[in-house]
Amino acid sequence: MLVVGERINTSRKSVLEAVKKKDAHFIQEEAARQVKAGANMIDINAGNLMEGEASSIEWLVGIVQGVVDTPLCLDSPNPQAIKAGVKLHRGKALVNSITAEKERAKAVLPLVKEYKASVVALTMDEKGMPETSRERVKIARRLLELTRNYGIPPQDVYFDPLVRPVGSEAGQGLAVLRAIEGIMSLGEGVHTICGLSNISFGLPNRRLLNRTFLSMAIEAGLDAVILDPLDKNLMATLKAAEALLGKDEFCMKYITASREGELNV
């Protein structure tokens, strides 16, 4: 399971202030804590800065990769911000994101190809966000063909089935689970990823819902997730689910986590 730490996002007031002030120490501490907690990749998002987004992404890439060896997820709908980050990134970045909208793909996929990055493909098109699992899988199939046309192999594409809040749309949790199953059957090397916390938006005890849905999504085939790795209960649930579902050979990761006290939650 690829764990993408979500905390370096300017939608958080403390991060926004740190980026505005160029507080490298604060950002680097956030990155290091997430990696220590189990993140395999760090998401960086400066979308709240509008005109300063590209330069902020550029700054963030430099300071975060100055303290951690993990790759980064460059999270922006702005091709200029993506380009600013991916050209400085050491190793294989994950670009977040494209949709099935041709103009958006046309602006981003050449960068993915040029810099040998991976890409998050949102299962939405010109009509907006889909309602059903069938629609999500249909769009994913189109996205798979689209990325292939740009010379991007399936193993470099992470399909996002777009988690929506069950508090306002009761059937969306099940729709995402069925979409994950369908997308993972599209071919060898295909990946799925999601922003986990959307599932519980507007409901009480969100962390309980998040970790329960995560275990269900792993069973459905999810192999990458954007979450808060400092949530110890959530990370313990992830390790337990992988052990139970045969995704942790001989349960070694689970055993190691137990020995290190990571499951004492």
Protein backbone atom coordinates (compact mmCIF):
# COMPACT_ATOMS: atom_id res chain seq x y z
CA MET A 1 0.00 0.00 0.00
CA LEU A 2 1.34 3.37 -1.05
CA VAL A 3 0.63 5.84 1.78
CA VAL A 4 0.62 9.49 0.71
CA GLY A 5 0.84 11.92 3.64
CA GLU A 6 -1.70 14.72 3.17
CA ARG A 7 -0.66 17.28 5.79
CA ILE A 8 1.39 19.76 3.71
CA ASN A 9 -1.64 21.48 2.24
CA THR A 10 -2.29 25.21 2.37
CA SER A 11 -5.95 24.54 3.13
CA ARG A 12 -4.58 24.06 6.66
CA LYS A 13 -4.11 27.48 8.25
CA SER A 14 -0.77 26.60 9.90
CA VAL A 15 0.68 25.37 6.60
CA LEU A 16 -0.62 28.39 4.70
CA GLU A 17 1.10 30.73 7.16
CA ALA A 18 4.32 28.70 7.03
CA VAL A 19 4.43 28.82 3.24
CA LYS A 20 3.71 32.55 3.17
CA LYS A 21 6.50 33.18 5.69
CA LYS A 22 8.84 30.65 4.03
CA ASP A 23 9.13 28.84 7.36
CA ALA A 24 11.23 25.94 6.15
CA HIS A 25 11.61 24.43 9.63
CA PHE A 26 7.83 24.04 10.10
CA ILE A 27 7.35 22.41 6.69
CA GLN A 28 10.34 20.11 7.08
CA GLU A 29 9.10 18.99 10.50
CA GLU A 30 5.72 18.15 8.98
CA ALA A 31 7.37 16.12 6.23
CA ALA A 32 9.72 14.25 8.58
CA ARG A 33 6.94 13.40 11.05
CA GLN A 34 4.79 11.94 8.28
CA VAL A 35 7.59 9.76 6.95
CA LYS A 36 8.41 8.55 10.45
CA ALA A 37 4.74 7.66 10.92
CA GLY A 38 4.73 5.51 7.78
CA ALA A 39 4.15 7.74 4.75
CA ASN A 40 5.85 6.47 1.56
CA MET A 41 5.17 9.73 -0.27
CA ILE A 42 4.43 13.32 0.75
CA ASP A 43 1.68 15.34 -0.87
CA ILE A 44 2.36 19.05 -1.37
CA ASN A 45 -0.48 21.39 -2.20
CA ALA A 46 -0.29 25.20 -2.37
CA GLY A 47 -3.62 25.77 -4.09
CA ASN A 48 -4.78 28.45 -1.66
CA LEU A 49 -2.01 30.79 -2.79
CA MET A 50 -3.50 31.42 -6.23
CA GLU A 51 -0.98 33.54 -8.18
CA GLY A 52 1.93 32.40 -6.01
CA GLU A 53 1.18 28.71 -6.37
CA ALA A 54 3.90 27.82 -8.87
CA SER A 55 6.71 29.50 -6.93
CA SER A 56 5.42 28.02 -3.68
CA ILE A 57 5.37 24.49 -5.13
CA GLU A 58 8.92 25.06 -6.36
CA TRP A 59 10.01 26.15 -2.87
CA LEU A 60 8.21 23.26 -1.19
CA VAL A 61 9.82 20.64 -3.41
CA GLY A 62 13.27 21.92 -2.54
CA ILE A 63 12.85 22.11 1.21
CA VAL A 64 10.85 18.88 1.63
CA GLN A 65 13.28 16.83 -0.44
CA GLY A 66 16.03 18.41 1.61
CA VAL A 67 14.98 16.36 4.64
CA VAL A 68 13.19 13.24 3.33
CA ASP A 69 14.10 10.71 0.67
CA THR A 70 10.50 9.84 -0.20
CA PRO A 71 9.02 11.03 -3.51
CA LEU A 72 6.41 13.77 -3.62
CA CYS A 73 2.86 14.03 -4.90
CA LEU A 74 2.57 17.36 -6.71
CA ASP A 75 -1.05 18.26 -6.06
CA SER A 76 -2.44 21.00 -8.30
CA PRO A 77 -4.88 21.53 -11.17
CA ASN A 78 -2.47 24.20 -12.51
CA PRO A 79 -0.07 22.89 -15.20
CA GLN A 80 2.38 25.73 -14.50
CA ALA A 81 2.58 24.78 -10.83
CA ILE A 82 3.08 21.13 -11.75
CA LYS A 83 5.84 22.03 -14.17
CA ALA A 84 7.56 24.19 -11.55
CA GLY A 85 7.62 21.25 -9.15
CA VAL A 86 8.29 18.30 -11.41
CA LYS A 87 11.34 19.84 -13.08
CA LEU A 88 13.07 20.13 -9.68
CA HIS A 89 11.87 16.84 -8.22
CA ARG A 90 14.46 14.16 -7.50
CA GLY A 91 13.24 10.71 -8.48
CA LYS A 92 9.78 9.74 -9.69
CA ALA A 93 7.06 12.23 -8.75
CA LEU A 94 3.32 11.61 -8.70
CA VAL A 95 1.36 14.32 -10.52
CA ASN A 96 -2.11 14.97 -9.15
CA SER A 97 -4.06 15.15 -11.44
CA ILE A 98 -5.76 14.74 -14.81
CA THR A 99 -9.36 13.96 -15.76
CA ALA A 100 -10.89 12.58 -18.95
CA GLU A 101 -11.31 16.17 -20.13
CA LYS A 102 -9.02 16.31 -23.15
CA GLU A 103 -7.78 19.88 -22.66
CA ARG A 104 -6.70 19.17 -19.09
CA ALA A 105 -4.94 15.98 -20.14
CA LYS A 106 -3.28 17.78 -23.04
CA ALA A 107 -1.78 20.33 -20.64
CA VAL A 108 -0.50 17.83 -18.05
CA LEU A 109 0.35 14.51 -19.70
CA PRO A 110 3.29 15.85 -21.76
CA LEU A 111 4.89 16.91 -18.44
CA VAL A 112 4.25 13.46 -16.96
CA LYS A 113 5.88 11.89 -20.00
CA GLU A 114 8.83 14.30 -20.17
CA TYR A 115 9.76 13.99 -16.50
CA LYS A 116 8.95 10.26 -16.23
CA ALA A 117 6.41 10.84 -13.48
CA SER A 118 3.33 8.91 -12.43
CA VAL A 119 -0.12 10.51 -12.58
CA VAL A 120 -3.39 10.48 -10.67
CA ALA A 121 -6.33 10.09 -13.07
CA LEU A 122 -9.63 11.32 -11.64
CA THR A 123 -12.61 9.36 -12.95
CA MET A 124 -14.54 12.38 -14.13
CA ASP A 125 -15.09 14.02 -17.50
CA GLU A 126 -16.84 16.98 -19.09
CA LYS A 127 -20.12 15.89 -17.47
CA GLY A 128 -18.65 16.20 -13.98
CA MET A 129 -18.40 13.64 -11.19
CA PRO A 130 -20.06 10.29 -11.87
CA GLU A 131 -22.76 8.80 -9.67
CA THR A 132 -22.34 5.07 -10.23
CA SER A 133 -19.52 2.56 -10.14
CA ARG A 134 -20.25 1.65 -13.77
CA GLU A 135 -19.70 5.25 -14.87
CA ARG A 136 -16.44 5.45 -12.92
CA VAL A 137 -15.07 2.29 -14.53
CA LYS A 138 -16.15 3.47 -17.98
CA ILE A 139 -14.26 6.73 -17.53
CA ALA A 140 -11.24 4.88 -16.15
CA ARG A 141 -11.16 2.77 -19.31
CA ARG A 142 -11.11 5.95 -21.40
CA LEU A 143 -8.35 7.40 -19.23
CA LEU A 144 -6.29 4.25 -19.61
CA GLU A 145 -6.46 4.58 -23.38
CA LEU A 146 -5.73 8.31 -23.20
CA THR A 147 -2.59 7.86 -21.10
CA ARG A 148 -1.40 5.03 -23.34
CA ASN A 149 -1.68 7.38 -26.32
CA TYR A 150 0.82 9.65 -24.56
CA GLY A 151 3.21 6.73 -24.00
CA ILE A 152 2.50 6.46 -20.26
CA PRO A 153 2.41 2.82 -19.08
CA PRO A 154 -0.52 1.53 -16.96
CA GLN A 155 1.70 1.05 -13.90
CA ASP A 156 2.30 4.82 -13.82
CA VAL A 157 -1.42 5.66 -13.65
CA TYR A 158 -3.31 5.84 -10.33
CA PHE A 159 -7.07 5.95 -10.88
CA ASP A 160 -9.06 7.92 -8.32
CA PRO A 161 -12.70 6.72 -8.11
CA LEU A 162 -13.63 9.97 -6.35
CA VAL A 163 -14.82 9.31 -2.81
CA ARG A 164 -17.92 11.35 -1.98
CA PRO A 165 -19.53 11.96 1.43
CA VAL A 166 -21.95 9.25 2.52
CA GLY A 167 -23.62 11.76 4.82
CA SER A 168 -25.28 13.42 1.83
CA GLU A 169 -25.18 10.54 -0.69
CA ALA A 170 -25.79 7.25 1.09
CA GLY A 171 -24.83 4.95 -1.77
CA GLN A 172 -21.49 6.54 -2.62
CA GLY A 173 -19.37 4.40 -0.30
CA LEU A 174 -20.54 1.21 -1.98
CA ALA A 175 -20.24 2.81 -5.43
CA VAL A 176 -16.56 3.60 -4.79
CA LEU A 177 -15.84 0.08 -3.51
CA ARG A 178 -17.40 -1.48 -6.60
CA ALA A 179 -15.54 1.00 -8.81
CA ILE A 180 -12.22 0.01 -7.22
CA GLU A 181 -12.95 -3.63 -8.00
CA GLY A 182 -13.85 -2.81 -11.58
CA ILE A 183 -10.86 -0.55 -12.20
CA MET A 184 -8.39 -3.05 -10.76
CA SER A 185 -9.69 -5.61 -13.26
CA LEU A 186 -8.82 -3.42 -16.26
CA GLY A 187 -5.34 -4.89 -16.62
CA GLU A 188 -2.07 -5.82 -15.04
CA GLY A 189 -0.25 -3.02 -13.25
CA VAL A 190 -3.31 -0.80 -12.78
CA HIS A 191 -3.46 1.19 -9.52
CA THR A 192 -6.23 2.88 -7.55
CA ILE A 193 -5.88 5.74 -5.10
CA CYS A 194 -8.30 7.85 -3.08
CA GLY A 195 -8.52 10.80 -0.74
CA LEU A 196 -9.90 8.90 2.21
CA SER A 197 -11.35 11.61 4.45
CA ASN A 198 -14.01 12.74 1.95
CA ILE A 199 -16.10 9.69 2.88
CA SER A 200 -16.93 11.05 6.34
CA PHE A 201 -17.39 14.75 5.61
CA GLY A 202 -20.13 16.31 7.71
CA LEU A 203 -20.57 13.34 10.04
CA PRO A 204 -19.61 12.81 13.70
CA ASN A 205 -16.67 10.62 14.72
CA ARG A 206 -15.09 10.92 11.29
CA ARG A 207 -12.01 8.94 12.20
CA LEU A 208 -14.07 5.82 12.90
CA LEU A 209 -15.71 6.06 9.49
CA ASN A 210 -12.39 6.75 7.78
CA ARG A 211 -10.59 3.72 9.17
CA THR A 212 -13.57 1.40 8.63
CA PHE A 213 -13.89 2.49 5.00
CA LEU A 214 -10.13 2.13 4.50
CA SER A 215 -10.21 -1.55 5.48
CA MET A 216 -13.14 -2.13 3.11
CA ALA A 217 -11.37 -0.32 0.27
CA ILE A 218 -8.19 -2.37 0.76
CA GLU A 219 -10.29 -5.53 0.48
CA ALA A 220 -11.76 -4.17 -2.78
CA GLY A 221 -8.24 -3.73 -4.17
CA LEU A 222 -7.20 -0.17 -3.28
CA ASP A 223 -3.39 -0.01 -3.32
CA ALA A 224 -2.68 3.68 -2.64
CA VAL A 225 -4.29 6.19 -0.29
CA ILE A 226 -3.96 9.86 0.64
CA LEU A 227 -4.39 10.23 4.39
CA ASP A 228 -3.03 11.65 7.63
CA PRO A 229 -0.30 9.21 8.73
CA LEU A 230 -0.19 10.83 12.17
CA ASP A 231 -3.58 9.25 12.90
CA LYS A 232 -2.25 6.20 14.76
CA ASN A 233 -5.57 4.37 14.82
CA LEU A 234 -5.89 4.76 11.07
CA MET A 235 -2.37 3.49 10.40
CA ALA A 236 -2.93 0.53 12.76
CA THR A 237 -6.12 -0.34 10.87
CA LEU A 238 -4.22 -0.21 7.59
CA LYS A 239 -1.56 -2.63 8.85
CA ALA A 240 -4.18 -4.99 10.31
CA ALA A 241 -6.21 -5.00 7.09
CA GLU A 242 -3.15 -5.79 4.97
CA ALA A 243 -2.21 -8.65 7.30
CA LEU A 244 -5.72 -10.13 7.23
CA LEU A 245 -6.06 -9.84 3.46
CA GLY A 246 -2.75 -11.49 2.60
CA LYS A 247 -1.12 -8.26 1.46
CA ASP A 248 1.60 -8.48 4.12
CA GLU A 249 3.75 -11.58 3.58
CA PHE A 250 3.98 -13.65 6.77
CA CYS A 251 2.42 -10.58 8.49
CA MET A 252 5.94 -9.21 8.91
CA LYS A 253 4.94 -5.54 8.69
CA TYR A 254 2.22 -6.13 11.25
CA ILE A 255 4.57 -7.97 13.59
CA THR A 256 7.23 -5.27 13.25
CA ALA A 257 4.67 -2.54 13.94
CA SER A 258 3.51 -4.43 17.04
CA ARG A 259 7.06 -4.81 18.36
CA GLU A 260 7.64 -1.09 17.88
CA GLY A 261 4.48 -0.19 19.77
CA GLU A 262 2.70 1.23 16.72
CA LEU A 263 -0.42 -0.88 17.29
CA ASN A 264 -0.92 0.13 20.91
CA VAL A 265 -3.81 2.49 20.21
